[in-house]
C-alpha cells in the first residue's frame, strides 16, 4: 500500500500534543486499509518539548506493534539536535526512518 503522509501544520507542545497524536493514531489504525508506512512530517516543530518527545516515542512503539512502520521527516535543526540526544532517535536513524525532506522520505518508503 501507499504510505500515509501526515503533516503537523502547527508545532506540537504539551497542550496540544495528545489530541494531535490521537488524530495520527486514528488516521492510521482506522483507515480502510492499514498503511504499512506512516510518514510524519514535523517541519513546523522548531522546539521539541520532553512531553512531545515522550508521546512520539509511545506512538512509534504502538504503531510498530500494530505492524505499521513510522518514518519522520522535516525536523528543523533545533528540534533535531534535541531528539538526537535520545536512544530512541539513534534507533530511528539506524533503521533509516528519518529523512530531512518529504521527497526523500517518500522515495525511501517506496523502496521498502
C-alpha atoms as a PDB file:
ATOM      1  CA  UNK A   1       0.000   0.000   0.000  1.00  0.00           C
ATOM      2  CA  UNK A   2       0.982   3.630  -0.403  1.00  0.00           C
ATOM      3  CA  UNK A   3       2.450   5.347   2.646  1.00  0.00           C
ATOM      4  CA  UNK A   4       0.181   7.574   4.687  1.00  0.00           C
ATOM      5  CA  UNK A   5       1.706  11.061   4.838  1.00  0.00           C
ATOM      6  CA  UNK A   6       0.658  13.300   7.704  1.00  0.00           C
ATOM      7  CA  UNK A   7       1.977  16.828   8.204  1.00  0.00           C
ATOM      8  CA  UNK A   8       1.640  18.614  11.502  1.00  0.00           C
ATOM      9  CA  UNK A   9       0.509  22.089  10.472  1.00  0.00           C
ATOM     10  CA  UNK A  10       1.198  23.534  13.917  1.00  0.00           C
ATOM     11  CA  UNK A  11       4.050  22.837  16.317  1.00  0.00           C
ATOM     12  CA  UNK A  12       3.255  20.166  18.902  1.00  0.00           C
ATOM     13  CA  UNK A  13       3.586  21.169  22.542  1.00  0.00           C
ATOM     14  CA  UNK A  14       2.287  19.930  25.889  1.00  0.00           C
ATOM     15  CA  UNK A  15      -1.190  21.449  25.499  1.00  0.00           C
ATOM     16  CA  UNK A  16      -1.951  20.125  22.003  1.00  0.00           C
ATOM     17  CA  UNK A  17       0.146  17.004  21.516  1.00  0.00           C
ATOM     18  CA  UNK A  18      -2.354  14.439  22.791  1.00  0.00           C
ATOM     19  CA  UNK A  19      -5.275  15.413  20.509  1.00  0.00           C
ATOM     20  CA  UNK A  20      -2.964  15.763  17.509  1.00  0.00           C
ATOM     21  CA  UNK A  21      -1.322  12.399  18.100  1.00  0.00           C
ATOM     22  CA  UNK A  22      -4.777  10.879  18.617  1.00  0.00           C
ATOM     23  CA  UNK A  23      -5.646  12.081  15.110  1.00  0.00           C
ATOM     24  CA  UNK A  24      -2.476  10.457  13.747  1.00  0.00           C
ATOM     25  CA  UNK A  25      -3.370   7.215  15.525  1.00  0.00           C
ATOM     26  CA  UNK A  26      -6.962   7.311  14.236  1.00  0.00           C
ATOM     27  CA  UNK A  27      -5.941   8.124  10.659  1.00  0.00           C
ATOM     28  CA  UNK A  28      -3.533   5.194  10.744  1.00  0.00           C
ATOM     29  CA  UNK A  29      -5.309   2.463  12.635  1.00  0.00           C
ATOM     30  CA  UNK A  30      -8.854   3.184  11.491  1.00  0.00           C
ATOM     31  CA  UNK A  31      -8.043   3.561   7.799  1.00  0.00           C
ATOM     32  CA  UNK A  32      -9.921   1.284   5.423  1.00  0.00           C
ATOM     33  CA  UNK A  33      -6.587  -0.358   4.660  1.00  0.00           C
ATOM     34  CA  UNK A  34      -3.957  -0.006   7.367  1.00  0.00           C
ATOM     35  CA  UNK A  35      -0.859   1.542   5.786  1.00  0.00           C
ATOM     36  CA  UNK A  36       2.448  -0.289   6.051  1.00  0.00           C
ATOM     37  CA  UNK A  37       4.254   3.049   6.457  1.00  0.00           C
ATOM     38  CA  UNK A  38       3.246   6.357   8.032  1.00  0.00           C
ATOM     39  CA  UNK A  39       5.414   9.385   7.301  1.00  0.00           C
ATOM     40  CA  UNK A  40       5.041  12.112   9.918  1.00  0.00           C
ATOM     41  CA  UNK A  41       6.216  15.486   8.621  1.00  0.00           C
ATOM     42  CA  UNK A  42       7.347  17.628  11.546  1.00  0.00           C
ATOM     43  CA  UNK A  43       8.555  20.631   9.557  1.00  0.00           C
ATOM     44  CA  UNK A  44       6.898  23.106  11.956  1.00  0.00           C
ATOM     45  CA  UNK A  45       8.378  21.506  15.099  1.00  0.00           C
ATOM     46  CA  UNK A  46      11.045  24.105  15.898  1.00  0.00           C
ATOM     47  CA  UNK A  47      11.217  23.153  19.597  1.00  0.00           C
ATOM     48  CA  UNK A  48      10.754  19.619  20.873  1.00  0.00           C
ATOM     49  CA  UNK A  49       9.494  19.509  24.470  1.00  0.00           C
ATOM     50  CA  UNK A  50      10.103  16.383  26.530  1.00  0.00           C
ATOM     51  CA  UNK A  51       6.344  15.716  26.745  1.00  0.00           C
ATOM     52  CA  UNK A  52       6.047  15.766  22.962  1.00  0.00           C
ATOM     53  CA  UNK A  53       9.092  13.551  22.561  1.00  0.00           C
ATOM     54  CA  UNK A  54       7.737  11.019  25.065  1.00  0.00           C
ATOM     55  CA  UNK A  55       4.388  10.834  23.260  1.00  0.00           C
ATOM     56  CA  UNK A  56       6.064  10.461  19.847  1.00  0.00           C
ATOM     57  CA  UNK A  57       8.070   7.532  21.202  1.00  0.00           C
ATOM     58  CA  UNK A  58       4.876   5.947  22.587  1.00  0.00           C
ATOM     59  CA  UNK A  59       3.125   6.403  19.229  1.00  0.00           C
ATOM     60  CA  UNK A  60       6.068   4.887  17.383  1.00  0.00           C
ATOM     61  CA  UNK A  61       6.049   1.837  19.658  1.00  0.00           C
ATOM     62  CA  UNK A  62       2.269   1.465  19.424  1.00  0.00           C
ATOM     63  CA  UNK A  63       2.188   1.654  15.626  1.00  0.00           C
ATOM     64  CA  UNK A  64       5.165  -0.689  15.329  1.00  0.00           C
ATOM     65  CA  UNK A  65       3.257  -3.143  17.500  1.00  0.00           C
ATOM     66  CA  UNK A  66       0.368  -2.868  15.025  1.00  0.00           C
ATOM     67  CA  UNK A  67       2.629  -3.639  12.071  1.00  0.00           C
ATOM     68  CA  UNK A  68       2.970  -0.035  10.877  1.00  0.00           C
ATOM     69  CA  UNK A  69       6.404   1.474  10.360  1.00  0.00           C
ATOM     70  CA  UNK A  70       6.723   5.146  11.256  1.00  0.00           C
ATOM     71  CA  UNK A  71       9.043   7.404   9.361  1.00  0.00           C
ATOM     72  CA  UNK A  72       9.804  11.001  10.222  1.00  0.00           C
ATOM     73  CA  UNK A  73      10.764  13.964   8.110  1.00  0.00           C
ATOM     74  CA  UNK A  74      11.387  17.679   8.162  1.00  0.00           C
ATOM     75  CA  UNK A  75      12.570  18.361  11.699  1.00  0.00           C
ATOM     76  CA  UNK A  76      14.169  21.813  11.924  1.00  0.00           C
ATOM     77  CA  UNK A  77      17.764  21.895  13.217  1.00  0.00           C
ATOM     78  CA  UNK A  78      16.967  22.875  16.807  1.00  0.00           C
ATOM     79  CA  UNK A  79      14.426  20.072  17.286  1.00  0.00           C
ATOM     80  CA  UNK A  80      16.728  17.634  15.508  1.00  0.00           C
ATOM     81  CA  UNK A  81      19.550  18.459  17.930  1.00  0.00           C
ATOM     82  CA  UNK A  82      17.205  17.778  20.865  1.00  0.00           C
ATOM     83  CA  UNK A  83      15.903  14.455  19.600  1.00  0.00           C
ATOM     84  CA  UNK A  84      19.381  13.328  18.512  1.00  0.00           C
ATOM     85  CA  UNK A  85      20.325  13.022  22.202  1.00  0.00           C
ATOM     86  CA  UNK A  86      17.913  10.118  22.721  1.00  0.00           C
ATOM     87  CA  UNK A  87      18.497   6.382  22.369  1.00  0.00           C
ATOM     88  CA  UNK A  88      15.171   6.108  20.536  1.00  0.00           C
ATOM     89  CA  UNK A  89      16.315   8.528  17.840  1.00  0.00           C
ATOM     90  CA  UNK A  90      19.571   6.650  17.364  1.00  0.00           C
ATOM     91  CA  UNK A  91      17.462   3.587  16.563  1.00  0.00           C
ATOM     92  CA  UNK A  92      15.213   5.619  14.224  1.00  0.00           C
ATOM     93  CA  UNK A  93      18.325   6.701  12.321  1.00  0.00           C
ATOM     94  CA  UNK A  94      19.852   3.214  12.346  1.00  0.00           C
ATOM     95  CA  UNK A  95      16.595   1.877  10.868  1.00  0.00           C
ATOM     96  CA  UNK A  96      16.658   4.539   8.129  1.00  0.00           C
ATOM     97  CA  UNK A  97      13.390   6.086   9.302  1.00  0.00           C
ATOM     98  CA  UNK A  98      14.330   9.798   9.267  1.00  0.00           C
ATOM     99  CA  UNK A  99      14.744  11.919   6.156  1.00  0.00           C
ATOM    100  CA  UNK A 100      15.354  15.659   6.002  1.00  0.00           C
ATOM    101  CA  UNK A 101      12.575  16.270   3.476  1.00  0.00           C
ATOM    102  CA  UNK A 102       9.340  14.665   2.382  1.00  0.00           C
ATOM    103  CA  UNK A 103      10.525  13.785  -1.123  1.00  0.00           C
ATOM    104  CA  UNK A 104      13.415  11.729   0.274  1.00  0.00           C
ATOM    105  CA  UNK A 105      11.101  10.021   2.774  1.00  0.00           C
ATOM    106  CA  UNK A 106       8.630   9.113   0.023  1.00  0.00           C
ATOM    107  CA  UNK A 107      11.404   7.630  -2.123  1.00  0.00           C
ATOM    108  CA  UNK A 108      12.644   5.585   0.819  1.00  0.00           C
ATOM    109  CA  UNK A 109       9.125   4.381   1.619  1.00  0.00           C
ATOM    110  CA  UNK A 110       8.656   3.248  -1.982  1.00  0.00           C
ATOM    111  CA  UNK A 111      11.796   1.099  -1.715  1.00  0.00           C
ATOM    112  CA  UNK A 112      10.590  -0.730   1.416  1.00  0.00           C
END
